[in-house]
C-alpha atoms as a PDB file:
ATOM      1  CA  UNK A   1      81.103 125.321  55.284  1.00  0.00           C
ATOM      2  CA  UNK A   2      79.996 125.173  58.915  1.00  0.00           C
ATOM      3  CA  UNK A   3      83.550 124.577  60.235  1.00  0.00           C
ATOM      4  CA  UNK A   4      84.826 127.578  58.305  1.00  0.00           C
ATOM      5  CA  UNK A   5      81.939 129.658  59.643  1.00  0.00           C
ATOM      6  CA  UNK A   6      82.643 128.563  63.225  1.00  0.00           C
ATOM      7  CA  UNK A   7      86.365 129.324  62.929  1.00  0.00           C
ATOM      8  CA  UNK A   8      85.800 132.413  60.797  1.00  0.00           C
ATOM      9  CA  UNK A   9      88.634 131.395  58.453  1.00  0.00           C
ATOM     10  CA  UNK A  10      88.800 129.986  54.948  1.00  0.00           C
ATOM     11  CA  UNK A  11      90.064 126.414  55.010  1.00  0.00           C
ATOM     12  CA  UNK A  12      89.579 125.336  51.405  1.00  0.00           C
ATOM     13  CA  UNK A  13      90.405 126.767  48.005  1.00  0.00           C
ATOM     14  CA  UNK A  14      87.780 125.785  45.505  1.00  0.00           C
ATOM     15  CA  UNK A  15      88.224 126.097  41.748  1.00  0.00           C
ATOM     16  CA  UNK A  16      87.451 124.240  38.555  1.00  0.00           C
ATOM     17  CA  UNK A  17      90.302 121.821  39.193  1.00  0.00           C
ATOM     18  CA  UNK A  18      88.934 120.768  42.579  1.00  0.00           C
ATOM     19  CA  UNK A  19      89.496 121.592  46.243  1.00  0.00           C
ATOM     20  CA  UNK A  20      92.774 122.190  48.094  1.00  0.00           C
ATOM     21  CA  UNK A  21      93.693 123.394  51.559  1.00  0.00           C
ATOM     22  CA  UNK A  22      94.497 126.968  52.375  1.00  0.00           C
ATOM     23  CA  UNK A  23      97.424 127.795  54.669  1.00  0.00           C
ATOM     24  CA  UNK A  24      94.988 127.845  57.596  1.00  0.00           C
ATOM     25  CA  UNK A  25      93.547 124.559  56.418  1.00  0.00           C
ATOM     26  CA  UNK A  26      97.014 123.001  56.343  1.00  0.00           C
ATOM     27  CA  UNK A  27      97.606 124.063  59.975  1.00  0.00           C
ATOM     28  CA  UNK A  28      94.267 122.610  61.082  1.00  0.00           C
ATOM     29  CA  UNK A  29      94.867 119.402  59.138  1.00  0.00           C
ATOM     30  CA  UNK A  30      98.286 118.815  60.731  1.00  0.00           C
ATOM     31  CA  UNK A  31      96.837 119.204  64.226  1.00  0.00           C
ATOM     32  CA  UNK A  32      93.788 117.047  63.479  1.00  0.00           C
ATOM     33  CA  UNK A  33      96.000 114.377  61.912  1.00  0.00           C
ATOM     34  CA  UNK A  34      98.218 114.387  65.010  1.00  0.00           C
ATOM     35  CA  UNK A  35      95.175 114.179  67.306  1.00  0.00           C
ATOM     36  CA  UNK A  36      93.786 111.216  65.362  1.00  0.00           C
ATOM     37  CA  UNK A  37      97.181 109.517  65.618  1.00  0.00           C
ATOM     38  CA  UNK A  38      97.199 110.009  69.415  1.00  0.00           C
ATOM     39  CA  UNK A  39      93.665 108.637  69.668  1.00  0.00           C
ATOM     40  CA  UNK A  40      94.651 105.566  67.662  1.00  0.00           C
ATOM     41  CA  UNK A  41      97.700 105.072  69.901  1.00  0.00           C
ATOM     42  CA  UNK A  42      95.513 105.381  72.997  1.00  0.00           C
ATOM     43  CA  UNK A  43      93.021 102.866  71.601  1.00  0.00           C
ATOM     44  CA  UNK A  44      95.873 100.478  70.837  1.00  0.00           C
ATOM     45  CA  UNK A  45      97.315 100.898  74.352  1.00  0.00           C
ATOM     46  CA  UNK A  46      93.919 100.282  75.944  1.00  0.00           C
ATOM     47  CA  UNK A  47      93.378  97.187  73.829  1.00  0.00           C
ATOM     48  CA  UNK A  48      96.848  95.952  74.804  1.00  0.00           C
ATOM     49  CA  UNK A  49      96.048  96.526  78.488  1.00  0.00           C
ATOM     50  CA  UNK A  50      92.872  94.512  78.029  1.00  0.00           C
ATOM     51  CA  UNK A  51      94.454  91.691  76.025  1.00  0.00           C
ATOM     52  CA  UNK A  52      97.557  91.308  78.213  1.00  0.00           C
ATOM     53  CA  UNK A  53      95.988  92.315  81.568  1.00  0.00           C
ATOM     54  CA  UNK A  54      98.383  95.241  81.990  1.00  0.00           C
ATOM     55  CA  UNK A  55      97.765  97.415  85.025  1.00  0.00           C
ATOM     56  CA  UNK A  56      98.607  98.014  88.661  1.00  0.00           C
ATOM     57  CA  UNK A  57      97.066  97.124  92.003  1.00  0.00           C
ATOM     58  CA  UNK A  58      97.629  98.918  95.312  1.00  0.00           C
ATOM     59  CA  UNK A  59      97.222  96.579  98.295  1.00  0.00           C
ATOM     60  CA  UNK A  60      97.406  97.424 101.990  1.00  0.00           C
ATOM     61  CA  UNK A  61      98.326  94.804 104.599  1.00  0.00           C
ATOM     62  CA  UNK A  62     100.113  94.582 107.929  1.00  0.00           C
ATOM     63  CA  UNK A  63     103.536  92.948 108.085  1.00  0.00           C
ATOM     64  CA  UNK A  64     102.047  89.844 109.701  1.00  0.00           C
ATOM     65  CA  UNK A  65      99.140  89.383 107.282  1.00  0.00           C
ATOM     66  CA  UNK A  66     101.390  90.163 104.333  1.00  0.00           C
ATOM     67  CA  UNK A  67     103.852  87.421 105.249  1.00  0.00           C
ATOM     68  CA  UNK A  68     101.493  84.688 106.393  1.00  0.00           C
ATOM     69  CA  UNK A  69      98.368  85.282 104.283  1.00  0.00           C
ATOM     70  CA  UNK A  70      98.937  87.660 101.355  1.00  0.00           C
ATOM     71  CA  UNK A  71     102.213  86.369  99.903  1.00  0.00           C
ATOM     72  CA  UNK A  72     100.913  82.904  98.912  1.00  0.00           C
ATOM     73  CA  UNK A  73      97.985  84.544  97.086  1.00  0.00           C
ATOM     74  CA  UNK A  74     100.269  87.078  95.387  1.00  0.00           C
ATOM     75  CA  UNK A  75     102.549  84.324  94.133  1.00  0.00           C
ATOM     76  CA  UNK A  76      99.631  82.556  92.428  1.00  0.00           C
ATOM     77  CA  UNK A  77      98.124  85.818  91.160  1.00  0.00           C
ATOM     78  CA  UNK A  78     101.402  86.979  89.580  1.00  0.00           C
ATOM     79  CA  UNK A  79     101.771  83.642  87.822  1.00  0.00           C
ATOM     80  CA  UNK A  80      98.332  84.159  86.270  1.00  0.00           C
ATOM     81  CA  UNK A  81      98.629  87.927  85.694  1.00  0.00           C
ATOM     82  CA  UNK A  82     102.353  88.715  85.268  1.00  0.00           C
ATOM     83  CA  UNK A  83     101.692  92.144  83.709  1.00  0.00           C
ATOM     84  CA  UNK A  84      99.831  93.600  86.691  1.00  0.00           C
ATOM     85  CA  UNK A  85     102.195  95.577  88.898  1.00  0.00           C
ATOM     86  CA  UNK A  86     101.603  95.154  92.641  1.00  0.00           C
ATOM     87  CA  UNK A  87     102.268  98.036  95.041  1.00  0.00           C
ATOM     88  CA  UNK A  88     102.187  97.118  98.735  1.00  0.00           C
ATOM     89  CA  UNK A  89     101.438  99.520 101.568  1.00  0.00           C
ATOM     90  CA  UNK A  90     102.687  97.986 104.802  1.00  0.00           C
ATOM     91  CA  UNK A  91     100.440  99.376 107.563  1.00  0.00           C
ATOM     92  CA  UNK A  92      98.168  98.147 110.336  1.00  0.00           C
ATOM     93  CA  UNK A  93      94.541  97.212 109.655  1.00  0.00           C
ATOM     94  CA  UNK A  94      93.096 100.437 111.089  1.00  0.00           C
ATOM     95  CA  UNK A  95      95.196 102.630 108.770  1.00  0.00           C
ATOM     96  CA  UNK A  96      94.519 100.394 105.773  1.00  0.00           C
ATOM     97  CA  UNK A  97      90.765 100.678 106.352  1.00  0.00           C
ATOM     98  CA  UNK A  98      91.071 104.474 106.393  1.00  0.00           C
ATOM     99  CA  UNK A  99      92.942 104.712 103.115  1.00  0.00           C
ATOM    100  CA  UNK A 100      90.675 102.089 101.549  1.00  0.00           C
ATOM    101  CA  UNK A 101      87.640 104.225 102.376  1.00  0.00           C
ATOM    102  CA  UNK A 102      89.430 107.189 100.744  1.00  0.00           C
ATOM    103  CA  UNK A 103      90.139 104.933  97.714  1.00  0.00           C
ATOM    104  CA  UNK A 104      93.884 105.508  98.049  1.00  0.00           C
ATOM    105  CA  UNK A 105      94.368 101.742  97.714  1.00  0.00           C
ATOM    106  CA  UNK A 106      92.462  99.150  95.695  1.00  0.00           C
ATOM    107  CA  UNK A 107      92.433  96.339  98.224  1.00  0.00           C
ATOM    108  CA  UNK A 108      93.151  95.775 101.909  1.00  0.00           C
ATOM    109  CA  UNK A 109      93.873  92.550 103.767  1.00  0.00           C
ATOM    110  CA  UNK A 110      92.680  93.362 107.272  1.00  0.00           C
ATOM    111  CA  UNK A 111      90.989  92.256 110.451  1.00  0.00           C
ATOM    112  CA  UNK A 112      87.316  92.624 109.496  1.00  0.00           C
ATOM    113  CA  UNK A 113      85.625  95.361 111.569  1.00  0.00           C
ATOM    114  CA  UNK A 114      82.303  94.651 113.259  1.00  0.00           C
ATOM    115  CA  UNK A 115      80.591  97.443 111.344  1.00  0.00           C
ATOM    116  CA  UNK A 116      81.204  97.982 107.626  1.00  0.00           C
ATOM    117  CA  UNK A 117      80.572 101.225 105.770  1.00  0.00           C
ATOM    118  CA  UNK A 118      78.002 101.052 102.918  1.00  0.00           C
ATOM    119  CA  UNK A 119      80.818 101.047 100.327  1.00  0.00           C
ATOM    120  CA  UNK A 120      82.980  98.320 101.877  1.00  0.00           C
ATOM    121  CA  UNK A 121      82.945  94.809 100.429  1.00  0.00           C
ATOM    122  CA  UNK A 122      84.578  91.676 101.876  1.00  0.00           C
ATOM    123  CA  UNK A 123      86.181  88.767 100.010  1.00  0.00           C
ATOM    124  CA  UNK A 124      87.565  85.433 101.193  1.00  0.00           C
ATOM    125  CA  UNK A 125      86.675  86.001 104.832  1.00  0.00           C
ATOM    126  CA  UNK A 126      88.336  83.503 107.167  1.00  0.00           C
ATOM    127  CA  UNK A 127      88.516  82.811 110.903  1.00  0.00           C
ATOM    128  CA  UNK A 128      91.706  83.257 112.893  1.00  0.00           C
ATOM    129  CA  UNK A 129      92.304  82.012 116.418  1.00  0.00           C
ATOM    130  CA  UNK A 130      94.516  83.800 118.939  1.00  0.00           C
ATOM    131  CA  UNK A 131      96.358  81.610 121.459  1.00  0.00           C
ATOM    132  CA  UNK A 132      99.086  81.994 124.081  1.00  0.00           C
ATOM    133  CA  UNK A 133     102.311  80.064 123.502  1.00  0.00           C
ATOM    134  CA  UNK A 134     105.674  79.645 125.200  1.00  0.00           C
ATOM    135  CA  UNK A 135     108.774  77.508 124.884  1.00  0.00           C
ATOM    136  CA  UNK A 136     108.965  74.359 127.050  1.00  0.00           C
ATOM    137  CA  UNK A 137     112.143  75.731 128.625  1.00  0.00           C
ATOM    138  CA  UNK A 138     110.438  78.972 129.682  1.00  0.00           C
ATOM    139  CA  UNK A 139     107.660  77.050 131.415  1.00  0.00           C
ATOM    140  CA  UNK A 140     110.242  74.855 133.147  1.00  0.00           C
ATOM    141  CA  UNK A 141     112.067  77.985 134.345  1.00  0.00           C
ATOM    142  CA  UNK A 142     108.808  79.402 135.725  1.00  0.00           C
ATOM    143  CA  UNK A 143     108.165  76.183 137.621  1.00  0.00           C
ATOM    144  CA  UNK A 144     111.714  76.134 138.997  1.00  0.00           C
ATOM    145  CA  UNK A 145     111.467  79.761 140.098  1.00  0.00           C
ATOM    146  CA  UNK A 146     107.950  79.846 141.536  1.00  0.00           C
ATOM    147  CA  UNK A 147     107.153  76.192 142.290  1.00  0.00           C
ATOM    148  CA  UNK A 148     104.434  73.951 140.858  1.00  0.00           C
ATOM    149  CA  UNK A 149     101.631  76.256 141.964  1.00  0.00           C
ATOM    150  CA  UNK A 150     102.862  79.346 140.128  1.00  0.00           C
ATOM    151  CA  UNK A 151     100.299  81.780 138.706  1.00  0.00           C
ATOM    152  CA  UNK A 152     100.940  81.617 134.984  1.00  0.00           C
ATOM    153  CA  UNK A 153     100.003  85.120 133.890  1.00  0.00           C
ATOM    154  CA  UNK A 154     100.987  86.927 137.098  1.00  0.00           C
ATOM    155  CA  UNK A 155     104.414  85.327 137.348  1.00  0.00           C
ATOM    156  CA  UNK A 156     105.194  85.165 133.627  1.00  0.00           C
ATOM    157  CA  UNK A 157     106.298  87.856 131.200  1.00  0.00           C
ATOM    158  CA  UNK A 158     103.445  88.270 128.707  1.00  0.00           C
ATOM    159  CA  UNK A 159     104.250  89.547 125.217  1.00  0.00           C
ATOM    160  CA  UNK A 160     101.537  91.242 123.138  1.00  0.00           C
ATOM    161  CA  UNK A 161     101.278  93.399 120.031  1.00  0.00           C
ATOM    162  CA  UNK A 162     101.638  97.141 120.656  1.00  0.00           C
ATOM    163  CA  UNK A 163      98.597  99.066 121.845  1.00  0.00           C
ATOM    164  CA  UNK A 164      97.850 100.659 118.450  1.00  0.00           C
ATOM    165  CA  UNK A 165      97.391  97.280 116.782  1.00  0.00           C
ATOM    166  CA  UNK A 166      93.894  95.936 116.019  1.00  0.00           C
ATOM    167  CA  UNK A 167      94.877  92.486 117.322  1.00  0.00           C
ATOM    168  CA  UNK A 168      95.971  94.064 120.611  1.00  0.00           C
ATOM    169  CA  UNK A 169      92.609  95.840 120.959  1.00  0.00           C
ATOM    170  CA  UNK A 170      90.874  92.494 120.562  1.00  0.00           C
ATOM    171  CA  UNK A 171      93.111  90.777 123.141  1.00  0.00           C
ATOM    172  CA  UNK A 172      92.761  93.681 125.581  1.00  0.00           C
ATOM    173  CA  UNK A 173      88.991  93.273 125.396  1.00  0.00           C
ATOM    174  CA  UNK A 174      89.362  89.549 126.154  1.00  0.00           C
ATOM    175  CA  UNK A 175      91.650  90.348 129.102  1.00  0.00           C
ATOM    176  CA  UNK A 176      89.123  92.810 130.543  1.00  0.00           C
ATOM    177  CA  UNK A 177      86.157  90.488 129.997  1.00  0.00           C
ATOM    178  CA  UNK A 178      87.950  87.630 131.764  1.00  0.00           C
ATOM    179  CA  UNK A 179      89.486  89.821 134.475  1.00  0.00           C
ATOM    180  CA  UNK A 180      93.002  88.587 133.794  1.00  0.00           C
ATOM    181  CA  UNK A 181      95.791  90.320 135.679  1.00  0.00           C
ATOM    182  CA  UNK A 182      99.120  90.479 133.853  1.00  0.00           C
ATOM    183  CA  UNK A 183     101.939  91.825 136.008  1.00  0.00           C
ATOM    184  CA  UNK A 184     104.565  92.218 133.300  1.00  0.00           C
ATOM    185  CA  UNK A 185     103.775  92.985 129.654  1.00  0.00           C
ATOM    186  CA  UNK A 186     106.190  93.521 126.779  1.00  0.00           C
ATOM    187  CA  UNK A 187     104.695  95.194 123.681  1.00  0.00           C
ATOM    188  CA  UNK A 188     106.160  94.359 120.258  1.00  0.00           C
ATOM    189  CA  UNK A 189     105.221  95.724 116.850  1.00  0.00           C
ATOM    190  CA  UNK A 190     105.144  92.521 114.770  1.00  0.00           C
ATOM    191  CA  UNK A 191     103.866  89.014 115.356  1.00  0.00           C
ATOM    192  CA  UNK A 192     107.112  87.616 113.972  1.00  0.00           C
ATOM    193  CA  UNK A 193     108.882  89.152 116.972  1.00  0.00           C
ATOM    194  CA  UNK A 194     106.293  87.684 119.337  1.00  0.00           C
ATOM    195  CA  UNK A 195     106.955  84.246 117.868  1.00  0.00           C
ATOM    196  CA  UNK A 196     110.746  84.642 117.851  1.00  0.00           C
ATOM    197  CA  UNK A 197     110.871  86.000 121.413  1.00  0.00           C
ATOM    198  CA  UNK A 198     108.760  83.101 122.670  1.00  0.00           C
ATOM    199  CA  UNK A 199     111.133  80.642 120.983  1.00  0.00           C
ATOM    200  CA  UNK A 200     114.144  82.090 122.813  1.00  0.00           C
ATOM    201  CA  UNK A 201     112.450  81.732 126.212  1.00  0.00           C
ATOM    202  CA  UNK A 202     111.583  85.417 126.717  1.00  0.00           C
ATOM    203  CA  UNK A 203     108.019  84.841 127.883  1.00  0.00           C
ATOM    204  CA  UNK A 204     104.490  83.914 126.838  1.00  0.00           C
ATOM    205  CA  UNK A 205     103.292  85.356 123.505  1.00  0.00           C
ATOM    206  CA  UNK A 206      99.799  85.854 122.138  1.00  0.00           C
ATOM    207  CA  UNK A 207      99.860  84.816 118.478  1.00  0.00           C
ATOM    208  CA  UNK A 208      97.598  83.512 115.735  1.00  0.00           C
ATOM    209  CA  UNK A 209      97.443  79.710 115.833  1.00  0.00           C
ATOM    210  CA  UNK A 210      97.860  79.119 112.097  1.00  0.00           C
ATOM    211  CA  UNK A 211     101.125  81.104 112.124  1.00  0.00           C
ATOM    212  CA  UNK A 212     102.778  78.751 114.653  1.00  0.00           C
ATOM    213  CA  UNK A 213     101.345  75.379 113.605  1.00  0.00           C
ATOM    214  CA  UNK A 214     104.766  73.988 112.652  1.00  0.00           C
ATOM    215  CA  UNK A 215     106.285  75.217 115.913  1.00  0.00           C
ATOM    216  CA  UNK A 216     103.512  73.522 117.887  1.00  0.00           C
ATOM    217  CA  UNK A 217     103.986  70.313 115.909  1.00  0.00           C
ATOM    218  CA  UNK A 218     107.761  70.160 116.386  1.00  0.00           C
ATOM    219  CA  UNK A 219     107.562  71.129 120.055  1.00  0.00           C
ATOM    220  CA  UNK A 220     109.569  74.359 119.904  1.00  0.00           C
ATOM    221  CA  UNK A 221     106.447  76.082 121.260  1.00  0.00           C
ATOM    222  CA  UNK A 222     103.593  74.773 123.393  1.00  0.00           C
ATOM    223  CA  UNK A 223     100.091  76.161 123.714  1.00  0.00           C
ATOM    224  CA  UNK A 224      98.948  77.610 127.021  1.00  0.00           C
ATOM    225  CA  UNK A 225      95.420  76.265 127.412  1.00  0.00           C
ATOM    226  CA  UNK A 226      92.972  78.799 128.813  1.00  0.00           C
ATOM    227  CA  UNK A 227      89.886  78.160 130.924  1.00  0.00           C
ATOM    228  CA  UNK A 228      87.991  80.402 128.516  1.00  0.00           C
ATOM    229  CA  UNK A 229      89.476  80.269 124.985  1.00  0.00           C
ATOM    230  CA  UNK A 230      89.851  83.536 123.076  1.00  0.00           C
ATOM    231  CA  UNK A 231      86.904  83.812 120.623  1.00  0.00           C
ATOM    232  CA  UNK A 232      87.856  83.512 116.984  1.00  0.00           C
ATOM    233  CA  UNK A 233      87.891  86.664 114.850  1.00  0.00           C
ATOM    234  CA  UNK A 234      87.824  87.269 111.118  1.00  0.00           C
ATOM    235  CA  UNK A 235      90.271  88.555 108.537  1.00  0.00           C
ATOM    236  CA  UNK A 236      89.717  89.017 104.829  1.00  0.00           C
ATOM    237  CA  UNK A 237      90.244  91.093 101.713  1.00  0.00           C
ATOM    238  CA  UNK A 238      88.219  94.297 101.468  1.00  0.00           C
ATOM    239  CA  UNK A 239      87.645  96.697  98.581  1.00  0.00           C
ATOM    240  CA  UNK A 240      85.588  99.802  97.832  1.00  0.00           C
ATOM    241  CA  UNK A 241      82.363  99.230  95.908  1.00  0.00           C
ATOM    242  CA  UNK A 242      82.981 102.292  93.695  1.00  0.00           C
ATOM    243  CA  UNK A 243      86.360 101.063  92.465  1.00  0.00           C
ATOM    244  CA  UNK A 244      86.036  99.952  88.828  1.00  0.00           C
ATOM    245  CA  UNK A 245      89.717  99.148  88.202  1.00  0.00           C
ATOM    246  CA  UNK A 246      90.207  96.293  85.737  1.00  0.00           C
ATOM    247  CA  UNK A 247      93.174  95.060  87.774  1.00  0.00           C
ATOM    248  CA  UNK A 248      90.957  94.901  90.860  1.00  0.00           C
ATOM    249  CA  UNK A 249      88.338  93.008  88.844  1.00  0.00           C
ATOM    250  CA  UNK A 250      91.036  90.492  87.885  1.00  0.00           C
ATOM    251  CA  UNK A 251      92.071  90.042  91.530  1.00  0.00           C
ATOM    252  CA  UNK A 252      88.466  89.682  92.697  1.00  0.00           C
ATOM    253  CA  UNK A 253      87.862  87.039  90.029  1.00  0.00           C
ATOM    254  CA  UNK A 254      91.092  85.308  91.077  1.00  0.00           C
ATOM    255  CA  UNK A 255      89.975  85.215  94.734  1.00  0.00           C
ATOM    256  CA  UNK A 256      86.441  84.100  93.892  1.00  0.00           C
ATOM    257  CA  UNK A 257      87.842  81.050  92.094  1.00  0.00           C
ATOM    258  CA  UNK A 258      89.710  80.097  95.259  1.00  0.00           C
ATOM    259  CA  UNK A 259      86.753  80.141  97.616  1.00  0.00           C
ATOM    260  CA  UNK A 260      86.559  76.877  99.482  1.00  0.00           C
ATOM    261  CA  UNK A 261      90.012  75.739  98.337  1.00  0.00           C
ATOM    262  CA  UNK A 262      91.605  76.538 101.701  1.00  0.00           C
END
């Protein structure tokens, strides 16, 4: 037989009573039988993954976007796909874009860059609006200290994200374009801190409007209206076009169904 010729061993004993395995044939049979069993197990596992949507998804997002944007989506996604394990990488947008391009994560929730690489795809893009806010008490203190004609940004303490943050880069560009002169700046590394510090009368914070809507409604924070409003920017989910993960496909399908639902 061809197999015997290829292996240069005798695998079968042939006689008038039929065919049986030689010692070498028995060894080969045991290994082949075991291999077939492993293949069947693998096929069963793959089918189970398909039927029960078993898998994992690596997502990158900043602390701010994770809390205010990603978590509500994750809650709904996990209800629909409870067997997909979610791994979160908590980093700023710039770092998440780097590791997305290297395909070290499946998905990134980021500030959308002006220029996309050929392999980058965007899902559920949405506008965000940056505004300056402060507590009523802080503004009253400024007025008491400097009089009614105080210069808001020169006399106030202005709180911004740290200089490495994508949001800070955007605000710095606005500051330069509008020739604003801030005398005292405090840099913080999360927007939650910007919001909390503004609430305890520490200064004026630059935050995303949708993250402080309740605070604006209940009066714990007030918006500082600018002569030239800060232009809106975009955030969204991004993925690599070459990623063929079934878990990613499930998340993309999940997001696509929610387009236009707010």
